[in-house]
């Protein structure tokens, strides 16, 4: 299985975990010393090790994603594979009945070592802070996307 297929498998298992909170299916995708970095001004962080990574992602999902009724993910363009790295641009539309949709855009980079994710980074568009604050103000819904 090449690294793009591995990343797609990880993403599929991640979506199942979003639905049922079973993190045992996600942890094996990460190397023991894996690092997850979130590059965003209001909630950026760096987490080390599968336990911390999964706990941080769960906190963010609980405070943000799971507050919506659904989310629609779109991969933008073609994923790029170079050496041991996969890069994917994406857009997520979040929906909650009675509220305007919220769109989040960013990019993910996954670096593999020995078939596992050694480094994962999510980078968000530079205007995410202002757009998110405006959306919350306009819709009256306070959310916490932080990981720590």
N, C-alpha and C. Protein backbone atom coordinates (compact mmCIF):
# COMPACT_ATOMS: atom_id res chain seq x y z
N UNK A 1 0.85 -1.18 0.00
CA UNK A 1 0.00 0.00 0.00
C UNK A 1 0.90 1.24 0.00
N UNK A 2 0.69 2.14 -0.96
CA UNK A 2 1.51 3.35 -1.00
C UNK A 2 1.00 4.36 0.04
N UNK A 3 1.75 5.46 0.23
CA UNK A 3 1.40 6.38 1.32
C UNK A 3 0.09 7.13 1.06
N UNK A 4 -0.25 7.38 -0.19
CA UNK A 4 -1.54 8.02 -0.46
C UNK A 4 -2.67 7.08 -0.05
N UNK A 5 -2.55 5.80 -0.38
CA UNK A 5 -3.57 4.83 0.03
C UNK A 5 -3.64 4.74 1.56
N UNK A 6 -2.49 4.80 2.21
CA UNK A 6 -2.46 4.76 3.68
C UNK A 6 -3.17 5.98 4.26
N UNK A 7 -2.92 7.15 3.65
CA UNK A 7 -3.56 8.36 4.15
C UNK A 7 -5.08 8.30 3.94
N UNK A 8 -5.50 7.81 2.79
CA UNK A 8 -6.94 7.67 2.52
C UNK A 8 -7.57 6.70 3.52
N UNK A 9 -6.86 5.61 3.82
CA UNK A 9 -7.36 4.66 4.82
C UNK A 9 -7.48 5.33 6.19
N UNK A 10 -6.46 6.11 6.56
CA UNK A 10 -6.50 6.85 7.83
C UNK A 10 -7.71 7.78 7.85
N UNK A 11 -7.92 8.54 6.76
CA UNK A 11 -9.03 9.48 6.71
C UNK A 11 -10.37 8.77 6.85
N UNK A 12 -10.50 7.61 6.23
CA UNK A 12 -11.74 6.83 6.35
C UNK A 12 -11.99 6.37 7.78
N UNK A 13 -10.94 5.89 8.43
CA UNK A 13 -11.07 5.45 9.82
C UNK A 13 -11.33 6.64 10.74
N UNK A 14 -10.74 7.78 10.40
CA UNK A 14 -10.98 9.00 11.18
C UNK A 14 -12.46 9.37 11.14
N UNK A 15 -13.08 9.31 9.97
CA UNK A 15 -14.50 9.64 9.85
C UNK A 15 -15.36 8.68 10.66
N UNK A 16 -15.01 7.41 10.69
CA UNK A 16 -15.74 6.45 11.53
C UNK A 16 -15.58 6.82 13.00
N UNK A 17 -14.37 7.22 13.38
CA UNK A 17 -14.10 7.59 14.76
C UNK A 17 -14.84 8.85 15.15
N UNK A 18 -14.97 9.79 14.21
CA UNK A 18 -15.77 10.99 14.47
C UNK A 18 -17.19 10.59 14.86
N UNK A 19 -17.71 9.56 14.23
CA UNK A 19 -19.08 9.11 14.49
C UNK A 19 -19.22 8.34 15.79
N UNK A 20 -18.22 7.50 16.14
CA UNK A 20 -18.42 6.61 17.30
C UNK A 20 -17.38 6.75 18.42
N UNK A 21 -16.40 7.62 18.23
CA UNK A 21 -15.39 7.90 19.27
C UNK A 21 -14.50 6.70 19.62
N UNK A 22 -14.35 5.75 18.70
CA UNK A 22 -13.48 4.60 18.93
C UNK A 22 -12.08 4.92 18.37
N UNK A 23 -11.22 5.40 19.23
CA UNK A 23 -9.89 5.87 18.82
C UNK A 23 -8.91 4.73 18.59
N UNK A 24 -9.29 3.50 18.94
CA UNK A 24 -8.38 2.38 18.73
C UNK A 24 -8.14 2.14 17.24
N UNK A 25 -9.04 2.58 16.39
CA UNK A 25 -8.83 2.38 14.95
C UNK A 25 -7.90 3.44 14.36
N UNK A 26 -7.74 4.60 15.02
CA UNK A 26 -6.91 5.69 14.49
C UNK A 26 -5.47 5.60 15.01
N UNK A 27 -5.29 5.25 16.26
CA UNK A 27 -3.96 5.24 16.87
C UNK A 27 -2.92 4.43 16.09
N UNK A 28 -3.26 3.26 15.54
CA UNK A 28 -2.25 2.47 14.83
C UNK A 28 -1.68 3.14 13.57
N UNK A 29 -2.31 4.18 13.07
CA UNK A 29 -1.79 4.87 11.89
C UNK A 29 -0.59 5.75 12.23
N UNK A 30 -0.37 6.02 13.53
CA UNK A 30 0.68 6.92 13.95
C UNK A 30 1.90 6.18 14.52
N UNK A 31 3.09 6.68 14.18
CA UNK A 31 4.32 6.17 14.79
C UNK A 31 4.30 6.52 16.28
N UNK A 32 5.03 5.77 17.08
CA UNK A 32 5.06 6.02 18.53
C UNK A 32 5.53 7.42 18.88
N UNK A 33 6.39 8.00 18.05
CA UNK A 33 6.90 9.35 18.31
C UNK A 33 6.31 10.39 17.36
N UNK A 34 5.14 10.10 16.81
CA UNK A 34 4.50 11.00 15.85
C UNK A 34 4.24 12.37 16.46
N UNK A 35 4.25 13.37 15.60
CA UNK A 35 3.94 14.74 15.99
C UNK A 35 2.79 15.23 15.12
N UNK A 36 1.82 15.87 15.75
CA UNK A 36 0.71 16.51 15.04
C UNK A 36 0.78 18.00 15.34
N UNK A 37 0.86 18.79 14.29
CA UNK A 37 0.96 20.23 14.45
C UNK A 37 -0.24 20.90 13.78
N UNK A 38 -0.90 21.77 14.54
CA UNK A 38 -2.01 22.56 14.01
C UNK A 38 -1.48 23.97 13.82
N UNK A 39 -1.54 24.44 12.58
CA UNK A 39 -1.01 25.76 12.25
C UNK A 39 -2.18 26.71 12.00
N UNK A 40 -2.61 27.34 13.08
CA UNK A 40 -3.70 28.30 13.04
C UNK A 40 -3.54 29.22 14.25
N UNK A 41 -3.65 30.52 14.00
CA UNK A 41 -3.40 31.50 15.06
C UNK A 41 -4.22 31.26 16.32
N UNK A 42 -5.54 31.08 16.23
CA UNK A 42 -6.30 31.02 17.47
C UNK A 42 -6.20 29.70 18.22
N UNK A 43 -5.87 28.60 17.54
CA UNK A 43 -5.89 27.31 18.23
C UNK A 43 -4.73 26.41 17.81
N UNK A 44 -3.64 27.00 17.38
CA UNK A 44 -2.48 26.22 16.98
C UNK A 44 -1.85 25.49 18.15
N UNK A 45 -1.21 24.37 17.84
CA UNK A 45 -0.56 23.59 18.88
C UNK A 45 0.32 22.53 18.24
N UNK A 46 1.09 21.85 19.07
CA UNK A 46 1.90 20.72 18.65
C UNK A 46 1.72 19.62 19.68
N UNK A 47 1.30 18.45 19.22
CA UNK A 47 1.06 17.31 20.10
C UNK A 47 1.99 16.18 19.72
N UNK A 48 2.49 15.45 20.71
CA UNK A 48 3.45 14.37 20.45
C UNK A 48 2.94 13.04 21.00
N UNK A 49 3.03 12.01 20.16
CA UNK A 49 2.63 10.66 20.53
C UNK A 49 1.16 10.41 20.21
N UNK A 50 0.83 9.17 19.84
CA UNK A 50 -0.54 8.84 19.45
C UNK A 50 -1.59 9.14 20.52
N UNK A 51 -1.26 8.93 21.78
CA UNK A 51 -2.23 9.20 22.85
C UNK A 51 -2.57 10.68 22.91
N UNK A 52 -1.56 11.53 22.92
CA UNK A 52 -1.78 12.98 22.99
C UNK A 52 -2.45 13.49 21.72
N UNK A 53 -2.06 12.95 20.57
CA UNK A 53 -2.66 13.35 19.31
C UNK A 53 -4.15 13.03 19.31
N UNK A 54 -4.50 11.82 19.67
CA UNK A 54 -5.91 11.41 19.66
C UNK A 54 -6.71 12.19 20.71
N UNK A 55 -6.13 12.40 21.88
CA UNK A 55 -6.83 13.17 22.92
C UNK A 55 -7.07 14.61 22.47
N UNK A 56 -6.07 15.21 21.83
CA UNK A 56 -6.23 16.58 21.34
C UNK A 56 -7.26 16.69 20.24
N UNK A 57 -7.21 15.76 19.30
CA UNK A 57 -8.19 15.77 18.21
C UNK A 57 -9.60 15.55 18.77
N UNK A 58 -9.73 14.64 19.72
CA UNK A 58 -11.04 14.40 20.34
C UNK A 58 -11.57 15.68 20.99
N UNK A 59 -10.70 16.39 21.70
CA UNK A 59 -11.12 17.64 22.35
C UNK A 59 -11.63 18.62 21.31
N UNK A 60 -10.92 18.75 20.19
CA UNK A 60 -11.34 19.67 19.14
C UNK A 60 -12.66 19.23 18.51
N UNK A 61 -12.79 17.94 18.25
CA UNK A 61 -14.04 17.43 17.68
C UNK A 61 -15.22 17.69 18.63
N UNK A 62 -15.01 17.45 19.93
CA UNK A 62 -16.07 17.65 20.91
C UNK A 62 -16.48 19.12 21.01
N UNK A 63 -15.51 20.00 20.89
CA UNK A 63 -15.78 21.43 21.04
C UNK A 63 -16.20 22.13 19.76
N UNK A 64 -16.04 21.44 18.62
CA UNK A 64 -16.35 22.10 17.35
C UNK A 64 -17.19 21.20 16.44
N UNK A 65 -16.55 20.24 15.79
CA UNK A 65 -17.22 19.43 14.76
C UNK A 65 -18.52 18.80 15.24
N UNK A 66 -18.50 18.25 16.43
CA UNK A 66 -19.67 17.54 16.93
C UNK A 66 -20.80 18.47 17.37
N UNK A 67 -20.57 19.77 17.33
CA UNK A 67 -21.62 20.74 17.64
C UNK A 67 -22.51 21.01 16.42
N UNK A 68 -22.08 20.52 15.26
CA UNK A 68 -22.84 20.69 14.03
C UNK A 68 -23.63 19.42 13.73
N UNK A 69 -24.64 19.56 12.88
CA UNK A 69 -25.44 18.41 12.48
C UNK A 69 -24.72 17.53 11.47
N UNK A 70 -23.94 18.16 10.60
CA UNK A 70 -23.17 17.40 9.62
C UNK A 70 -22.05 18.27 9.06
N UNK A 71 -21.11 17.60 8.40
CA UNK A 71 -20.04 18.31 7.71
C UNK A 71 -19.81 17.62 6.37
N UNK A 72 -19.54 18.44 5.37
CA UNK A 72 -19.28 17.94 4.02
C UNK A 72 -17.85 18.30 3.66
N UNK A 73 -17.05 17.28 3.35
CA UNK A 73 -15.63 17.48 3.05
C UNK A 73 -15.42 17.39 1.55
N UNK A 74 -14.62 18.31 1.04
CA UNK A 74 -14.25 18.29 -0.37
C UNK A 74 -12.73 18.40 -0.47
N UNK A 75 -12.14 17.47 -1.20
CA UNK A 75 -10.71 17.55 -1.50
C UNK A 75 -10.57 18.51 -2.68
N UNK A 76 -9.69 19.47 -2.54
CA UNK A 76 -9.48 20.48 -3.58
C UNK A 76 -8.26 20.09 -4.40
N UNK A 77 -8.46 19.93 -5.69
CA UNK A 77 -7.36 19.54 -6.56
C UNK A 77 -6.97 18.09 -6.32
N UNK A 78 -5.80 17.75 -6.81
CA UNK A 78 -5.27 16.40 -6.66
C UNK A 78 -4.33 16.33 -5.46
N UNK A 79 -4.42 15.28 -4.67
CA UNK A 79 -3.41 15.10 -3.62
C UNK A 79 -2.02 15.03 -4.26
N UNK A 80 -1.03 15.55 -3.55
CA UNK A 80 0.35 15.52 -4.03
C UNK A 80 1.15 14.54 -3.19
N UNK A 81 1.89 13.70 -3.86
CA UNK A 81 2.77 12.76 -3.18
C UNK A 81 4.18 13.02 -3.67
N UNK A 82 5.07 13.23 -2.71
CA UNK A 82 6.48 13.46 -3.03
C UNK A 82 7.32 12.79 -1.97
N UNK A 83 8.05 11.78 -2.37
CA UNK A 83 8.88 11.05 -1.41
C UNK A 83 8.01 10.42 -0.34
N UNK A 84 8.25 10.81 0.91
CA UNK A 84 7.50 10.24 2.03
C UNK A 84 6.36 11.15 2.51
N UNK A 85 5.98 12.15 1.68
CA UNK A 85 4.96 13.11 2.07
C UNK A 85 3.74 13.07 1.17
N UNK A 86 2.59 13.27 1.81
CA UNK A 86 1.31 13.45 1.12
C UNK A 86 0.80 14.83 1.51
N UNK A 87 0.37 15.61 0.51
CA UNK A 87 -0.20 16.93 0.77
C UNK A 87 -1.58 16.99 0.11
N UNK A 88 -2.56 17.44 0.89
CA UNK A 88 -3.94 17.51 0.41
C UNK A 88 -4.55 18.83 0.86
N UNK A 89 -5.16 19.53 -0.10
CA UNK A 89 -5.94 20.73 0.22
C UNK A 89 -7.40 20.32 0.34
N UNK A 90 -8.13 20.97 1.24
CA UNK A 90 -9.51 20.58 1.50
C UNK A 90 -10.36 21.76 1.92
N UNK A 91 -11.65 21.53 1.86
CA UNK A 91 -12.64 22.49 2.33
C UNK A 91 -13.72 21.68 3.06
N UNK A 92 -14.14 22.18 4.20
CA UNK A 92 -15.20 21.51 4.96
C UNK A 92 -16.33 22.51 5.19
N UNK A 93 -17.52 22.13 4.80
CA UNK A 93 -18.71 22.92 5.07
C UNK A 93 -19.44 22.29 6.25
N UNK A 94 -19.62 23.09 7.30
CA UNK A 94 -20.31 22.64 8.51
C UNK A 94 -21.74 23.17 8.48
N UNK A 95 -22.68 22.30 8.86
CA UNK A 95 -24.09 22.66 8.80
C UNK A 95 -24.76 22.39 10.14
N UNK A 96 -25.59 23.34 10.56
CA UNK A 96 -26.43 23.17 11.75
C UNK A 96 -27.76 23.85 11.44
N UNK A 97 -28.83 23.13 11.68
CA UNK A 97 -30.15 23.64 11.36
C UNK A 97 -30.37 25.02 11.98
N UNK A 98 -30.87 25.93 11.16
CA UNK A 98 -31.18 27.28 11.63
C UNK A 98 -30.01 28.25 11.59
N UNK A 99 -28.82 27.76 11.23
CA UNK A 99 -27.64 28.63 11.17
C UNK A 99 -27.06 28.64 9.77
N UNK A 100 -26.35 29.70 9.46
CA UNK A 100 -25.64 29.78 8.19
C UNK A 100 -24.53 28.72 8.19
N UNK A 101 -24.24 28.12 7.05
CA UNK A 101 -23.12 27.17 7.00
C UNK A 101 -21.80 27.88 7.33
N UNK A 102 -20.87 27.12 7.84
CA UNK A 102 -19.52 27.64 8.10
C UNK A 102 -18.55 26.84 7.24
N UNK A 103 -17.70 27.52 6.50
CA UNK A 103 -16.72 26.85 5.65
C UNK A 103 -15.32 27.06 6.20
N UNK A 104 -14.60 25.96 6.30
CA UNK A 104 -13.22 25.96 6.79
C UNK A 104 -12.34 25.40 5.69
N UNK A 105 -11.28 26.11 5.34
CA UNK A 105 -10.37 25.65 4.29
C UNK A 105 -8.96 25.51 4.84
N UNK A 106 -8.28 24.50 4.33
CA UNK A 106 -6.91 24.31 4.78
C UNK A 106 -6.20 23.24 3.97
N UNK A 107 -5.07 22.82 4.52
CA UNK A 107 -4.24 21.81 3.88
C UNK A 107 -3.70 20.88 4.96
N UNK A 108 -3.53 19.63 4.55
CA UNK A 108 -2.92 18.65 5.44
C UNK A 108 -1.64 18.13 4.79
N UNK A 109 -0.64 17.93 5.61
CA UNK A 109 0.61 17.32 5.18
C UNK A 109 0.87 16.15 6.10
N UNK A 110 1.09 14.98 5.52
CA UNK A 110 1.43 13.79 6.31
C UNK A 110 2.77 13.27 5.83
N UNK A 111 3.69 13.10 6.76
CA UNK A 111 5.01 12.53 6.45
C UNK A 111 5.06 11.14 7.06
N UNK A 112 5.41 10.17 6.25
CA UNK A 112 5.42 8.78 6.67
C UNK A 112 6.83 8.26 6.94
N UNK A 113 6.90 7.33 7.88
CA UNK A 113 8.14 6.61 8.17
C UNK A 113 7.73 5.18 8.52
N UNK A 114 8.29 4.24 7.81
CA UNK A 114 8.00 2.82 8.07
C UNK A 114 6.50 2.54 8.02
N UNK A 115 5.80 3.18 7.09
CA UNK A 115 4.38 2.91 6.88
C UNK A 115 3.43 3.59 7.84
N UNK A 116 3.95 4.43 8.74
CA UNK A 116 3.10 5.12 9.72
C UNK A 116 3.32 6.63 9.62
N UNK A 117 2.33 7.37 10.08
CA UNK A 117 2.45 8.82 10.09
C UNK A 117 3.43 9.22 11.18
N UNK A 118 4.52 9.87 10.77
CA UNK A 118 5.50 10.37 11.73
C UNK A 118 5.25 11.84 12.04
N UNK A 119 4.68 12.56 11.07
CA UNK A 119 4.39 13.98 11.24
C UNK A 119 3.12 14.29 10.45
N UNK A 120 2.18 14.95 11.12
CA UNK A 120 0.95 15.37 10.48
C UNK A 120 0.75 16.84 10.83
N UNK A 121 0.47 17.65 9.82
CA UNK A 121 0.22 19.07 10.05
C UNK A 121 -1.03 19.49 9.31
N UNK A 122 -1.87 20.23 10.00
CA UNK A 122 -3.03 20.87 9.39
C UNK A 122 -2.79 22.37 9.43
N UNK A 123 -2.84 22.99 8.27
CA UNK A 123 -2.65 24.43 8.14
C UNK A 123 -3.95 25.03 7.62
N UNK A 124 -4.39 26.09 8.26
CA UNK A 124 -5.65 26.71 7.89
C UNK A 124 -5.39 28.01 7.14
N UNK A 125 -6.36 28.41 6.32
CA UNK A 125 -6.23 29.67 5.60
C UNK A 125 -5.98 30.80 6.59
N UNK A 126 -5.21 31.80 6.19
CA UNK A 126 -4.83 32.89 7.11
C UNK A 126 -6.02 33.67 7.69
N UNK A 127 -7.13 33.70 6.99
CA UNK A 127 -8.29 34.47 7.47
C UNK A 127 -9.21 33.67 8.38
N UNK A 128 -8.79 32.48 8.80
CA UNK A 128 -9.67 31.62 9.60
C UNK A 128 -10.08 32.29 10.91
N UNK A 129 -9.19 33.00 11.57
CA UNK A 129 -9.50 33.62 12.85
C UNK A 129 -10.61 34.66 12.69
N UNK A 130 -10.46 35.58 11.74
CA UNK A 130 -11.46 36.63 11.53
C UNK A 130 -12.78 36.05 11.04
N UNK A 131 -12.72 35.10 10.11
CA UNK A 131 -13.95 34.50 9.59
C UNK A 131 -14.70 33.72 10.66
N UNK A 132 -13.97 32.98 11.47
CA UNK A 132 -14.60 32.19 12.53
C UNK A 132 -15.25 33.10 13.57
N UNK A 133 -14.55 34.14 13.97
CA UNK A 133 -15.10 35.08 14.95
C UNK A 133 -16.37 35.74 14.41
N UNK A 134 -16.35 36.14 13.15
CA UNK A 134 -17.53 36.76 12.54
C UNK A 134 -18.69 35.77 12.46
N UNK A 135 -18.40 34.53 12.08
CA UNK A 135 -19.45 33.53 11.99
C UNK A 135 -20.09 33.29 13.36
N UNK A 136 -19.26 33.15 14.39
CA UNK A 136 -19.80 32.93 15.74
C UNK A 136 -20.66 34.11 16.18
N UNK A 137 -20.17 35.31 15.94
CA UNK A 137 -20.91 36.52 16.31
C UNK A 137 -22.26 36.58 15.57
N UNK A 138 -22.25 36.31 14.28
CA UNK A 138 -23.46 36.39 13.46
C UNK A 138 -24.46 35.29 13.78
N UNK A 139 -23.98 34.14 14.24
CA UNK A 139 -24.86 32.99 14.46
C UNK A 139 -25.13 32.69 15.93
N UNK A 140 -24.44 33.38 16.82
CA UNK A 140 -24.70 33.21 18.24
C UNK A 140 -24.34 31.86 18.80
N UNK A 141 -23.39 31.17 18.18
CA UNK A 141 -22.97 29.86 18.66
C UNK A 141 -21.50 29.93 19.05
N UNK A 142 -21.22 29.71 20.32
CA UNK A 142 -19.84 29.71 20.80
C UNK A 142 -19.26 28.31 20.68
N UNK A 143 -18.14 28.21 19.99
CA UNK A 143 -17.48 26.92 19.78
C UNK A 143 -16.05 27.01 20.25
N UNK A 144 -15.47 25.87 20.59
CA UNK A 144 -14.08 25.81 21.02
C UNK A 144 -13.33 24.76 20.20
N UNK A 145 -12.64 25.18 19.14
CA UNK A 145 -11.93 24.21 18.30
C UNK A 145 -10.54 23.83 18.84
N UNK A 146 -10.18 24.32 20.02
CA UNK A 146 -8.82 24.09 20.52
C UNK A 146 -8.55 22.61 20.80
N UNK A 147 -7.28 22.28 20.73
CA UNK A 147 -6.81 20.90 20.90
C UNK A 147 -6.23 20.66 22.29
N UNK A 148 -5.86 21.73 22.97
CA UNK A 148 -5.27 21.57 24.32
C UNK A 148 -5.98 22.48 25.30
